[in-house]
Protein backbone atom coordinates (compact mmCIF):
# COMPACT_ATOMS: atom_id res chain seq x y z
CA MET A 1 -34.13 35.04 -21.43
CA GLY A 2 -34.75 33.50 -24.82
CA MET A 3 -33.32 30.01 -25.74
CA PRO A 4 -30.08 29.94 -27.31
CA MET A 5 -30.01 29.67 -30.84
CA ILE A 6 -28.38 26.95 -32.95
CA ASN A 7 -26.96 27.80 -36.43
CA SER A 8 -27.10 25.11 -39.43
CA GLU A 9 -23.41 24.54 -38.63
CA GLN A 10 -24.23 23.39 -35.43
CA ALA A 11 -27.10 21.29 -35.97
CA LEU A 12 -24.98 19.42 -38.49
CA LEU A 13 -22.18 18.97 -35.61
CA PHE A 14 -24.74 17.86 -33.34
CA THR A 15 -26.85 15.43 -35.92
CA PHE A 16 -23.25 13.37 -36.31
CA LEU A 17 -22.58 13.45 -32.68
CA PHE A 18 -25.63 12.03 -32.10
CA LEU A 19 -25.21 9.13 -35.07
CA ARG A 20 -22.28 8.17 -33.70
CA ILE A 21 -23.17 8.33 -30.06
CA GLY A 22 -26.29 6.41 -30.87
CA ALA A 23 -24.54 3.47 -32.77
CA ILE A 24 -22.15 2.94 -29.46
CA PHE A 25 -25.22 3.12 -27.23
CA ILE A 26 -26.78 0.48 -29.57
CA MET A 27 -23.89 -2.05 -29.24
CA ILE A 28 -22.44 -1.80 -25.55
CA PRO A 29 -24.11 -3.94 -22.32
CA VAL A 30 -26.90 -2.66 -20.41
CA ILE A 31 -27.92 0.48 -21.93
CA GLY A 32 -27.45 -1.18 -25.27
CA GLU A 33 -30.02 -4.11 -24.26
CA ARG A 34 -33.57 -4.23 -25.73
CA THR A 35 -34.80 -3.91 -22.27
CA VAL A 36 -34.05 -0.18 -21.95
CA PRO A 37 -36.46 1.84 -23.68
CA LEU A 38 -35.37 3.72 -26.93
CA ARG A 39 -36.71 6.88 -25.61
CA VAL A 40 -34.33 6.07 -22.60
CA LYS A 41 -31.25 5.72 -25.15
CA GLY A 42 -32.61 8.44 -27.47
CA GLY A 43 -32.91 10.96 -24.28
CA VAL A 44 -28.98 10.23 -23.09
CA ALA A 45 -27.68 10.07 -26.38
CA ILE A 46 -28.79 13.58 -27.03
CA LEU A 47 -27.77 14.79 -23.38
CA ILE A 48 -24.21 13.49 -24.36
CA SER A 49 -24.28 15.06 -27.62
CA LEU A 50 -24.97 18.28 -26.38
CA LEU A 51 -22.66 18.37 -23.77
CA LEU A 52 -19.73 17.46 -26.19
CA LEU A 53 -20.95 19.67 -28.85
CA PRO A 54 -18.92 22.67 -27.72
CA THR A 55 -15.82 20.83 -27.42
CA VAL A 56 -15.92 19.24 -30.88
CA GLN A 57 -14.29 20.89 -33.54
CA ALA A 58 -14.89 20.09 -36.90
CA LYS A 59 -14.47 20.97 -40.50
CA LEU A 60 -18.06 21.10 -42.15
CA PRO A 61 -18.81 20.72 -45.67
CA ASP A 62 -20.81 23.97 -47.48
CA LEU A 63 -24.26 23.54 -46.53
CA HIS A 64 -25.30 26.24 -48.98
CA SER A 65 -24.44 23.79 -51.98
CA GLU A 66 -27.07 21.57 -53.24
CA SER A 67 -25.14 19.55 -55.58
CA ASP A 68 -25.80 15.83 -55.86
CA ALA A 69 -21.85 15.04 -55.30
CA GLU A 70 -22.43 17.46 -51.56
CA ILE A 71 -25.52 15.19 -50.59
CA PHE A 72 -23.79 12.17 -51.58
CA VAL A 73 -20.53 13.06 -49.36
CA LEU A 74 -22.98 13.98 -46.62
CA ALA A 75 -24.88 10.90 -46.62
CA ILE A 76 -21.36 8.63 -46.99
CA ALA A 77 -20.35 10.25 -43.86
CA MET A 78 -23.39 10.43 -41.68
CA CYS A 79 -23.06 6.12 -42.80
CA SER A 80 -19.68 6.27 -41.31
CA GLU A 81 -20.45 7.82 -37.91
CA VAL A 82 -22.78 5.02 -37.20
CA LEU A 83 -20.21 2.60 -38.53
CA ILE A 84 -17.70 4.29 -36.35
CA GLY A 85 -20.23 3.73 -33.32
CA ILE A 86 -20.61 0.27 -33.82
CA ALA A 87 -17.01 -0.50 -33.91
CA ILE A 88 -16.43 1.26 -30.82
CA GLY A 89 -19.22 -0.65 -29.10
CA PHE A 90 -18.51 -3.87 -30.96
CA ALA A 91 -14.96 -4.60 -28.60
CA SER A 92 -17.62 -5.33 -25.64
CA LYS A 93 -20.32 -7.54 -27.79
CA ILE A 94 -17.42 -10.03 -28.82
CA ILE A 95 -16.70 -10.48 -24.98
CA PHE A 96 -19.95 -11.01 -23.82
CA ALA A 97 -20.95 -13.54 -26.75
CA GLY A 98 -18.03 -15.38 -25.25
CA ILE A 99 -19.69 -15.49 -21.89
CA ARG A 100 -22.76 -16.82 -23.63
CA PHE A 101 -21.20 -19.33 -25.73
CA ALA A 102 -18.96 -20.73 -23.01
CA GLY A 103 -22.42 -20.88 -21.06
CA GLU A 104 -23.94 -22.34 -23.55
CA MET A 105 -21.35 -25.42 -23.96
CA ILE A 106 -21.29 -25.57 -20.06
CA GLY A 107 -25.23 -26.17 -20.24
CA ILE A 108 -24.71 -28.72 -22.53
CA GLN A 109 -22.18 -30.60 -20.95
CA ILE A 110 -24.30 -30.81 -17.85
CA GLY A 111 -27.61 -31.94 -19.39
CA PHE A 112 -29.06 -28.61 -19.26
CA SER A 113 -29.42 -28.63 -23.22
CA ILE A 114 -33.29 -29.06 -22.99
CA VAL A 115 -33.45 -26.76 -19.82
CA ASN A 116 -34.41 -23.53 -21.44
CA VAL A 117 -35.72 -20.10 -20.07
CA ILE A 118 -36.68 -16.65 -22.66
CA ASP A 119 -33.98 -14.18 -21.98
CA PRO A 120 -35.95 -11.01 -21.87
CA ILE A 121 -32.63 -8.95 -23.15
CA SER A 122 -32.42 -11.09 -26.54
CA SER A 123 -36.24 -12.41 -26.42
CA ALA A 124 -34.82 -15.84 -27.63
CA GLN A 125 -34.35 -19.28 -25.44
CA VAL A 126 -30.93 -19.59 -23.94
CA SER A 127 -29.27 -22.08 -21.54
CA VAL A 128 -29.99 -21.57 -17.73
CA ILE A 129 -25.95 -21.81 -17.11
CA SER A 130 -25.58 -18.82 -20.15
CA GLU A 131 -28.26 -16.68 -18.59
CA PHE A 132 -27.23 -16.91 -15.42
CA GLN A 133 -22.85 -16.28 -16.44
CA TYR A 134 -24.14 -13.75 -18.49
CA LEU A 135 -25.81 -11.56 -15.56
CA VAL A 136 -22.80 -12.34 -13.29
CA ALA A 137 -20.80 -11.08 -15.87
CA LEU A 138 -22.81 -7.94 -16.56
CA LEU A 139 -22.83 -7.12 -12.52
CA VAL A 140 -18.77 -7.30 -12.81
CA TYR A 141 -19.18 -4.89 -15.82
CA LEU A 142 -21.13 -2.34 -13.68
CA ALA A 143 -18.64 -3.04 -10.24
CA VAL A 144 -15.54 -2.29 -12.06
CA ASP A 145 -16.89 0.62 -13.71
CA ALA A 146 -16.32 -0.48 -16.99
CA HIS A 147 -18.93 1.36 -18.44
CA HIS A 148 -16.65 4.45 -18.06
CA THR A 149 -14.57 3.15 -20.47
CA PHE A 150 -17.00 3.88 -22.95
CA ILE A 151 -18.15 7.25 -21.45
CA LEU A 152 -14.27 8.23 -21.88
CA ALA A 153 -14.05 6.53 -25.61
CA ILE A 154 -17.20 8.60 -26.78
CA ALA A 155 -15.29 12.02 -26.09
CA ASP A 156 -11.61 10.58 -26.95
CA SER A 157 -13.27 8.84 -30.32
CA TYR A 158 -13.73 13.00 -31.35
CA ARG A 159 -9.82 13.42 -31.03
CA PHE A 160 -8.75 10.69 -32.58
CA VAL A 161 -11.65 10.34 -35.43
CA PRO A 162 -13.35 13.87 -35.83
CA PRO A 163 -16.28 14.05 -38.07
CA PHE A 164 -15.44 13.89 -41.47
CA ALA A 165 -12.18 12.52 -40.87
CA TYR A 166 -13.03 8.97 -41.13
CA HIS A 167 -10.64 6.20 -42.58
CA PHE A 168 -11.51 2.72 -42.52
CA SER A 169 -8.14 0.84 -43.65
CA GLY A 170 -7.40 -2.45 -44.30
CA SER A 171 -5.63 -2.91 -40.78
CA LEU A 172 -8.70 -1.59 -39.20
CA MET A 173 -10.69 -4.62 -40.78
CA GLN A 174 -7.80 -7.05 -39.92
CA HIS A 175 -7.53 -6.24 -36.69
CA ILE A 176 -11.55 -6.27 -35.98
CA LEU A 177 -10.87 -10.15 -37.48
CA VAL A 178 -8.32 -11.11 -35.44
CA PHE A 179 -10.22 -9.61 -32.10
CA SER A 180 -13.50 -11.67 -33.22
CA LYS A 181 -11.54 -15.02 -32.57
CA GLU A 182 -11.69 -13.75 -28.53
CA LEU A 183 -14.83 -15.25 -28.57
CA PHE A 184 -14.24 -18.56 -28.95
CA VAL A 185 -10.97 -18.07 -26.87
CA THR A 186 -12.96 -16.33 -24.09
CA ALA A 187 -15.30 -19.16 -24.29
CA ILE A 188 -12.67 -22.25 -23.93
CA LYS A 189 -10.98 -20.29 -21.05
CA ILE A 190 -14.51 -20.00 -19.18
CA SER A 191 -15.63 -23.22 -20.25
CA ALA A 192 -12.58 -25.22 -19.61
CA PRO A 193 -12.51 -26.43 -15.88
CA VAL A 194 -15.71 -27.67 -16.13
CA MET A 195 -15.86 -29.22 -19.28
CA ALA A 196 -12.43 -31.16 -18.32
CA VAL A 197 -14.36 -32.28 -15.16
CA LEU A 198 -17.29 -33.64 -16.83
CA PHE A 199 -15.36 -35.24 -19.43
CA PHE A 200 -13.32 -37.17 -16.78
CA THR A 201 -16.56 -37.78 -15.04
CA ASN A 202 -17.91 -39.27 -18.43
CA VAL A 203 -14.94 -41.72 -19.02
CA ALA A 204 -15.40 -43.03 -15.37
CA LEU A 205 -19.29 -43.70 -15.83
CA GLY A 206 -17.88 -45.53 -19.24
CA VAL A 207 -15.76 -47.61 -16.97
CA VAL A 208 -18.16 -48.49 -14.59
CA ALA A 209 -20.87 -49.17 -17.25
CA ARG A 210 -18.25 -51.67 -18.72
CA THR A 211 -17.04 -53.37 -15.66
CA VAL A 212 -20.72 -53.43 -13.92
CA PRO A 213 -23.00 -54.05 -16.84
CA GLN A 214 -26.45 -54.64 -14.34
CA ILE A 215 -25.96 -50.79 -13.29
CA ASN A 216 -28.40 -48.80 -15.33
CA ILE A 217 -25.71 -45.92 -16.17
CA PHE A 218 -28.50 -43.47 -17.72
CA ILE A 219 -30.32 -43.32 -14.22
CA VAL A 220 -27.15 -42.84 -12.23
CA GLY A 221 -24.90 -41.02 -14.66
CA PHE A 222 -27.63 -38.20 -15.50
CA PRO A 223 -28.03 -36.75 -11.66
CA LEU A 224 -24.41 -37.50 -11.43
CA GLN A 225 -23.47 -35.31 -13.94
CA ILE A 226 -25.68 -32.39 -12.84
CA ALA A 227 -24.32 -32.45 -9.53
CA VAL A 228 -20.79 -32.74 -10.42
CA GLY A 229 -20.99 -29.85 -13.10
CA LEU A 230 -22.91 -27.81 -10.70
CA THR A 231 -20.40 -28.02 -7.84
CA ILE A 232 -17.52 -27.27 -10.70
CA LEU A 233 -19.73 -24.29 -11.78
CA GLY A 234 -20.32 -22.63 -8.13
CA LEU A 235 -16.68 -23.50 -7.12
CA THR A 236 -15.04 -21.86 -10.38
CA THR A 237 -17.27 -18.94 -10.14
CA PRO A 238 -14.49 -16.89 -8.13
CA PHE A 239 -11.94 -18.09 -11.26
CA PHE A 240 -14.75 -16.38 -13.53
CA VAL A 241 -15.41 -13.44 -12.01
CA LYS A 242 -11.47 -12.93 -12.21
CA LEU A 243 -11.59 -13.59 -15.67
CA VAL A 244 -13.88 -11.42 -16.62
CA GLN A 245 -12.35 -8.62 -14.70
CA GLY A 246 -9.49 -9.52 -17.06
CA GLU A 247 -11.22 -9.13 -20.22
CA LEU A 248 -12.85 -5.93 -19.05
CA ALA A 249 -9.54 -4.58 -18.51
CA ARG A 250 -8.59 -5.33 -21.87
CA LEU A 251 -11.80 -3.92 -23.43
CA ALA A 252 -9.80 0.14 -23.22
CA ILE A 253 -6.88 -1.21 -24.61
CA GLU A 254 -8.88 -2.65 -27.41
CA VAL A 255 -11.36 0.14 -28.13
CA TYR A 256 -8.52 2.83 -28.27
CA ALA A 257 -6.73 0.51 -30.75
CA LEU A 258 -9.63 0.46 -33.00
CA LEU A 259 -10.01 4.27 -32.80
CA ARG A 260 -6.29 4.84 -33.73
CA LEU A 261 -6.61 2.67 -36.67
CA MET A 262 -9.45 4.49 -37.62
């Protein structure tokens, strides 16, 4: 029994599917991390592209034309497929960047600014608190099946934006910029409880330093800040998990909002 033959139109359509899906896999959490080998990312992208190939309908250009205009249009269309994939995965990047930013702020406030670890995902030095919250958020991401959002979005994206039907409007760019502010909003929501308690702790230490100057406030204050910060961090972990669940629940809404604007 011979292998099924793929004509030139199907090969071109497969290439467009692979470009969009591959770009999504580079951006989304877990499979998009640097620790995941490129062979795994490419293999999964090829598998999903083959599965979706019979279901996607697209108006393809004339492949027999060798004019410069047709080649230019084809190159632009390929770049657009990559940009569509990046835009779909961008929403998750914003959420997890906000979580990392919150961890960095908490770590600095506690006094862990010099206690960094090498993040195997980004190969950069990050705060211990930032890495802890990022890993907890990844576990929540998998526990609530948020990765299914992107699997569904991959299939639905060809219903909203078929190959060669791309359209980058000003409203799309505006929506991306507005959604980008969620990075800072998410960071403030996560870090606010710990930052507030540590602020009042510093105020109390300042009052003690003024009223009892004989006490070396640095020797007392540094371990006290760490103890208070870690205690509040532990007590607010359920709040952090619920907040991450809420942000991930909004993820599907934002992804489909982006698709409708393309």
